[in-house]
Amino acid sequence: MNDKFLFGMVLGMLGGAVIVTNSVKMRNAVKQGQETIIDNDKEMQKTPKKTKKQ
């Protein structure tokens, strides 16, 4: 019984480590995406808008 418990505990720890790693990667990816969008928005605000003449 102790062997099964230890084996399950090790698997749980490894699974938790994988989830945390993926979570950190996703958080960083979202943060990078937000920064890119903000930078693009700032760049668009700097350029003058072209108006259509009718």
C-alpha atoms as a PDB file:
ATOM      1  CA  MET A   1       0.000   0.000   0.000  1.00  0.00           C
ATOM      2  CA  ASN A   2       2.803   2.423   0.756  1.00  0.00           C
ATOM      3  CA  ASP A   3       4.304   1.846  -2.681  1.00  0.00           C
ATOM      4  CA  LYS A   4       1.039   2.746  -4.400  1.00  0.00           C
ATOM      5  CA  PHE A   5       0.633   5.813  -2.218  1.00  0.00           C
ATOM      6  CA  LEU A   6       4.150   7.040  -2.958  1.00  0.00           C
ATOM      7  CA  PHE A   7       3.720   6.337  -6.678  1.00  0.00           C
ATOM      8  CA  GLY A   8       0.460   8.319  -6.725  1.00  0.00           C
ATOM      9  CA  MET A   9       2.058  11.139  -4.792  1.00  0.00           C
ATOM     10  CA  VAL A  10       4.965  11.364  -7.252  1.00  0.00           C
ATOM     11  CA  LEU A  11       2.563  11.357 -10.211  1.00  0.00           C
ATOM     12  CA  GLY A  12       0.503  14.103  -8.586  1.00  0.00           C
ATOM     13  CA  MET A  13       3.567  16.234  -8.000  1.00  0.00           C
ATOM     14  CA  LEU A  14       4.700  15.810 -11.602  1.00  0.00           C
ATOM     15  CA  GLY A  15       1.219  16.603 -12.899  1.00  0.00           C
ATOM     16  CA  GLY A  16       1.064  19.709 -10.723  1.00  0.00           C
ATOM     17  CA  ALA A  17       4.450  20.852 -11.989  1.00  0.00           C
ATOM     18  CA  VAL A  18       3.284  20.481 -15.608  1.00  0.00           C
ATOM     19  CA  ILE A  19       0.116  22.475 -14.916  1.00  0.00           C
ATOM     20  CA  VAL A  20       2.046  25.268 -13.196  1.00  0.00           C
ATOM     21  CA  THR A  21       4.565  25.422 -16.048  1.00  0.00           C
ATOM     22  CA  ASN A  22       1.808  25.680 -18.657  1.00  0.00           C
ATOM     23  CA  SER A  23       0.022  28.296 -16.558  1.00  0.00           C
ATOM     24  CA  VAL A  24       3.160  30.446 -16.369  1.00  0.00           C
ATOM     25  CA  LYS A  25       3.708  30.113 -20.123  1.00  0.00           C
ATOM     26  CA  MET A  26       0.110  31.118 -20.839  1.00  0.00           C
ATOM     27  CA  ARG A  27       0.301  34.065 -18.460  1.00  0.00           C
ATOM     28  CA  ASN A  28       3.470  35.289 -20.172  1.00  0.00           C
ATOM     29  CA  ALA A  29       1.928  34.826 -23.622  1.00  0.00           C
ATOM     30  CA  VAL A  30      -1.165  36.831 -22.646  1.00  0.00           C
ATOM     31  CA  LYS A  31       0.987  39.572 -21.121  1.00  0.00           C
ATOM     32  CA  GLN A  32       3.090  39.766 -24.294  1.00  0.00           C
ATOM     33  CA  GLY A  33      -0.040  39.929 -26.430  1.00  0.00           C
ATOM     34  CA  GLN A  34      -1.457  42.753 -24.341  1.00  0.00           C
ATOM     35  CA  GLU A  35       1.788  44.715 -24.626  1.00  0.00           C
ATOM     36  CA  THR A  36       1.800  44.239 -28.407  1.00  0.00           C
ATOM     37  CA  ILE A  37      -1.773  45.471 -28.704  1.00  0.00           C
ATOM     38  CA  ILE A  38      -1.055  48.500 -26.510  1.00  0.00           C
ATOM     39  CA  ASP A  39       2.056  49.338 -28.543  1.00  0.00           C
ATOM     40  CA  ASN A  40       0.111  49.044 -31.814  1.00  0.00           C
ATOM     41  CA  ASP A  41      -2.655  51.238 -30.413  1.00  0.00           C
ATOM     42  CA  LYS A  42      -0.167  53.918 -29.358  1.00  0.00           C
ATOM     43  CA  GLU A  43       1.458  53.785 -32.800  1.00  0.00           C
ATOM     44  CA  MET A  44      -1.921  54.177 -34.502  1.00  0.00           C
ATOM     45  CA  GLN A  45      -2.770  57.186 -32.343  1.00  0.00           C
ATOM     46  CA  LYS A  46       0.472  58.904 -33.366  1.00  0.00           C
ATOM     47  CA  THR A  47      -0.242  58.748 -37.097  1.00  0.00           C
ATOM     48  CA  PRO A  48      -2.762  61.273 -38.444  1.00  0.00           C
ATOM     49  CA  LYS A  49      -6.015  59.873 -39.705  1.00  0.00           C
ATOM     50  CA  LYS A  50      -6.716  60.144 -43.416  1.00  0.00           C
ATOM     51  CA  THR A  51     -10.153  61.516 -44.157  1.00  0.00           C
ATOM     52  CA  LYS A  52     -12.137  60.670 -47.225  1.00  0.00           C
ATOM     53  CA  LYS A  53     -13.015  63.559 -49.491  1.00  0.00           C
ATOM     54  CA  GLN A  54     -16.343  63.307 -51.225  1.00  0.00           C
END
